[in-house]
Protein backbone atom coordinates (compact mmCIF):
# COMPACT_ATOMS: atom_id res chain seq x y z
CA MET A 1 0.00 0.00 0.00
CA THR A 2 1.35 3.41 -0.97
CA THR A 3 2.04 6.21 1.51
CA ARG A 4 -0.76 8.23 -0.11
CA LEU A 5 -3.28 5.46 0.52
CA LEU A 6 -2.09 5.01 4.10
CA ILE A 7 -2.41 8.73 4.83
CA SER A 8 -5.80 8.89 3.10
CA LYS A 9 -7.12 5.89 5.05
CA ALA A 10 -5.72 7.16 8.37
CA LEU A 11 -7.23 10.63 7.95
CA THR A 12 -10.55 9.20 6.79
CA ALA A 13 -10.60 6.78 9.73
CA ALA A 14 -9.88 9.65 12.15
CA VAL A 15 -12.73 11.74 10.73
CA VAL A 16 -15.15 8.81 10.74
CA CYS A 17 -14.13 7.74 14.27
CA SER A 18 -14.85 11.26 15.50
CA THR A 19 -18.51 10.52 14.80
CA LEU A 20 -18.42 7.87 17.52
CA ILE A 21 -18.39 10.65 20.12
CA ALA A 22 -20.38 13.28 18.21
CA LYS A 23 -24.01 14.32 18.31
CA GLN A 24 -25.97 16.07 15.58
CA GLN A 25 -26.89 19.64 16.46
CA TYR A 26 -29.92 19.99 14.22
CA PRO A 27 -33.36 18.82 15.41
CA GLU A 28 -34.36 15.28 14.44
CA ASN A 29 -36.30 15.38 11.22
CA PRO A 30 -37.14 12.20 9.28
CA SER A 31 -37.14 14.09 5.95
CA ILE A 32 -33.63 15.46 6.54
CA GLU A 33 -32.36 12.05 7.69
CA PHE A 34 -33.89 10.41 4.61
CA ALA A 35 -32.26 13.00 2.32
CA PHE A 36 -28.84 12.40 3.92
CA ASP A 37 -29.22 8.60 3.76
CA ALA A 38 -30.63 8.44 0.22
CA THR A 39 -28.01 10.79 -1.21
CA GLY A 40 -25.19 9.07 0.67
CA MET A 41 -26.33 5.60 -0.44
CA LEU A 42 -26.65 6.78 -4.03
CA LEU A 43 -23.13 8.26 -4.03
CA VAL A 44 -21.50 5.26 -2.32
CA SER A 45 -23.30 2.84 -4.67
CA ALA A 46 -22.25 4.92 -7.69
CA ALA A 47 -18.68 4.90 -6.37
CA ALA A 48 -18.65 1.12 -5.96
CA LEU A 49 -20.21 0.41 -9.36
CA GLY A 50 -18.15 3.09 -11.11
CA ARG A 51 -14.88 1.78 -9.72
CA ALA A 52 -15.75 -1.76 -10.82
CA TRP A 53 -16.79 -0.48 -14.27
CA SER A 54 -13.52 1.45 -14.62
CA ALA A 55 -11.53 -1.60 -13.50
CA VAL A 56 -12.97 -3.65 -16.39
CA PHE A 57 -11.37 -1.24 -18.85
CA VAL A 58 -8.04 -0.66 -17.10
CA SER A 59 -7.32 -4.14 -15.67
CA GLY A 60 -4.07 -5.50 -17.01
CA ARG A 61 -3.64 -2.62 -19.49
CA LYS A 62 -2.52 0.25 -17.24
CA SER A 63 0.69 1.91 -18.47
CA VAL A 64 0.79 -0.60 -21.36
CA GLU A 65 -1.97 0.84 -23.52
CA LEU A 66 -3.58 4.29 -23.54
CA ILE A 67 -7.13 3.55 -22.45
CA THR A 68 -9.60 6.01 -23.96
CA ASP A 69 -12.89 4.12 -24.11
CA GLY A 70 -15.68 3.30 -21.67
CA PRO A 71 -15.43 5.49 -18.57
CA TYR A 72 -12.04 6.75 -19.81
CA SER A 73 -13.78 8.33 -22.81
CA ILE A 74 -15.73 10.75 -20.59
CA VAL A 75 -13.14 11.51 -17.89
CA ARG A 76 -9.38 10.87 -17.69
CA ASN A 77 -9.44 9.69 -14.08
CA PRO A 78 -12.66 7.72 -13.55
CA LEU A 79 -11.31 5.65 -10.65
CA TYR A 80 -10.46 8.84 -8.75
CA PHE A 81 -13.75 10.50 -9.72
CA PHE A 82 -15.77 7.56 -8.40
CA SER A 83 -13.63 7.42 -5.24
CA PHE A 84 -14.45 11.11 -4.74
CA LEU A 85 -18.17 10.32 -4.91
CA GLY A 86 -17.60 7.64 -2.27
CA PHE A 87 -15.83 10.09 0.06
CA ILE A 88 -18.74 12.55 -0.12
CA GLY A 89 -21.25 9.71 0.21
CA VAL A 90 -19.67 8.47 3.44
CA GLY A 91 -19.87 11.97 4.93
CA LEU A 92 -23.55 12.22 4.02
CA LEU A 93 -24.30 8.72 5.34
CA LEU A 94 -22.84 9.95 8.63
CA GLN A 95 -25.41 12.77 8.34
CA SER A 96 -22.96 15.62 8.42
CA PHE A 97 -22.18 18.33 5.89
CA ILE A 98 -19.01 19.12 7.87
CA LEU A 99 -17.79 15.51 7.62
CA ALA A 100 -18.62 15.43 3.91
CA ALA A 101 -16.60 18.64 3.47
CA ALA A 102 -13.72 17.28 5.60
CA LEU A 103 -13.62 14.07 3.57
CA THR A 104 -13.64 16.15 0.36
CA VAL A 105 -10.60 18.09 1.60
CA ILE A 106 -8.85 14.84 2.56
CA PHE A 107 -9.58 13.42 -0.89
CA PHE A 108 -8.07 16.39 -2.73
CA LEU A 109 -5.04 16.62 -0.42
CA THR A 110 -4.22 12.93 -0.82
CA HIS A 111 -5.35 12.20 -4.39
CA TRP A 112 -4.89 15.33 -6.50
CA PRO A 113 -1.05 15.29 -6.42
CA THR A 114 -1.19 11.64 -7.52
CA ILE A 115 -3.50 12.49 -10.41
CA LEU A 116 -1.02 15.12 -11.62
CA ARG A 117 1.98 12.78 -11.20
CA GLU A 118 0.22 9.98 -13.08
CA GLU A 119 -0.63 12.32 -15.96
CA THR A 120 3.03 13.36 -16.22
CA LYS A 121 4.04 9.69 -16.24
CA LEU A 122 1.48 8.81 -18.94
CA ARG A 123 2.64 11.74 -21.08
CA GLY A 124 6.17 10.32 -20.87
CA ILE A 125 4.97 6.85 -21.90
CA PHE A 126 2.46 7.71 -24.63
CA GLY A 127 3.60 11.14 -25.88
CA GLU A 128 1.46 12.86 -28.52
CA PRO A 129 -1.54 10.47 -28.31
CA PHE A 130 -1.79 11.29 -24.60
CA ASP A 131 -1.55 15.03 -25.34
CA ASP A 132 -4.46 14.66 -27.77
CA TYR A 133 -6.42 12.74 -25.11
CA LEU A 134 -5.58 15.49 -22.59
CA LYS A 135 -7.04 18.15 -24.89
CA SER A 136 -10.28 16.32 -25.62
CA VAL A 137 -11.25 14.59 -22.33
CA PRO A 138 -11.69 16.40 -18.99
CA ARG A 139 -9.41 15.51 -16.09
CA PHE A 140 -12.00 15.08 -13.36
CA ILE A 141 -15.59 16.11 -14.18
CA PRO A 142 -17.12 13.62 -16.66
CA ARG A 143 -18.53 14.88 -19.96
CA LEU A 144 -21.14 12.25 -20.86
CA SER A 145 -21.49 13.44 -24.46
CA LEU A 146 -17.98 12.08 -25.18
CA TYR A 147 -18.89 8.47 -24.30
CA ARG A 148 -17.71 5.79 -26.69
CA CYS A 149 -16.92 2.13 -26.20
CA ARG A 150 -15.45 -0.68 -28.28
CA ASP A 151 -17.50 -3.84 -28.86
CA THR A 152 -15.07 -6.20 -27.14
CA ALA A 153 -12.08 -5.93 -24.84
CA GLU A 154 -9.67 -8.20 -23.01
CA PHE A 155 -9.22 -7.89 -19.27
CA ALA A 156 -7.16 -9.42 -16.46
CA PRO A 157 -9.54 -11.48 -14.29
CA LYS A 158 -7.39 -11.28 -11.14
CA VAL A 159 -7.12 -7.49 -11.28
CA PHE A 160 -10.83 -7.18 -12.05
CA THR A 161 -11.82 -9.54 -9.22
CA LYS A 162 -9.73 -7.51 -6.77
CA ALA A 163 -11.44 -4.30 -7.91
CA VAL A 164 -14.90 -5.86 -7.53
CA LEU A 165 -14.06 -7.06 -4.00
CA GLU A 166 -12.84 -3.56 -3.08
CA SER A 167 -16.10 -2.16 -4.45
CA MET A 168 -18.11 -4.60 -2.34
CA MET A 169 -16.15 -3.48 0.74
CA LEU A 170 -17.12 0.10 -0.09
CA LEU A 171 -20.78 -0.93 -0.10
CA ALA A 172 -20.30 -2.32 3.43
CA VAL A 173 -20.05 1.31 4.58
CA ILE A 174 -23.84 1.64 4.15
CA PRO A 175 -24.93 -0.84 6.87
CA LEU A 176 -22.04 0.25 9.11
CA THR A 177 -23.14 3.89 9.07
CA GLU A 178 -26.75 2.85 9.70
CA ALA A 179 -25.61 0.83 12.74
CA LEU A 180 -23.62 3.83 13.99
CA GLU A 181 -26.69 6.03 13.64
CA LEU A 182 -28.74 3.59 15.73
CA LEU A 183 -26.06 3.56 18.45
CA ARG A 184 -26.02 7.36 18.53
CA LYS A 185 -29.81 7.62 18.73
CA SER A 186 -29.96 5.11 21.58
CA ASP A 187 -27.40 7.18 23.55
CA ILE A 188 -25.05 4.20 23.83
CA LEU A 189 -22.22 6.35 22.46
CA PRO A 190 -21.13 9.48 24.38
CA ALA A 191 -21.94 12.86 22.82
CA LEU A 192 -18.71 14.79 23.40
CA LEU A 193 -18.48 16.70 20.11
CA PRO A 194 -21.07 18.75 18.20
CA MET A 195 -21.71 17.62 14.63
CA TYR A 196 -23.37 19.60 11.85
């Protein structure tokens, strides 16, 4: 595991663990709770599915072939984009705009430098074709109108299976945050910090 991933996971764990001793400061409102939960579940599910989808196209081909189809036809860094959705989704599942914002900051601090480094590396490997790709496909915000996909593709089953398992672990966040919410509501956990 890279240093970036270790730092990202440690900071994310620290932020999430802070919710164990935090209490929401807004009045209980089923509509607000539903909005947080539904949006968070949607984003985490999109992150899990999007990462698996991206893995199909990149598995076994990274740094060997310039991948420009499927999710890579609409955004240059789909794995990072979908991870970003997951970070925000976790914050919303924890029913906190502040946590969602904190996780967003953590994401950009730990992932953006890597995105830039990887683009420099790919430019060195692929040269002009990568420069053309750079000009036509956005770095981080998908442009759906660019979507294109080949009819068939080869992929590395081991790499793909690993990506799918990681995606399934991401989905496990949903029941874990729901359990945490129940513990908070039942006053089993101490309320030492305010949470908004």
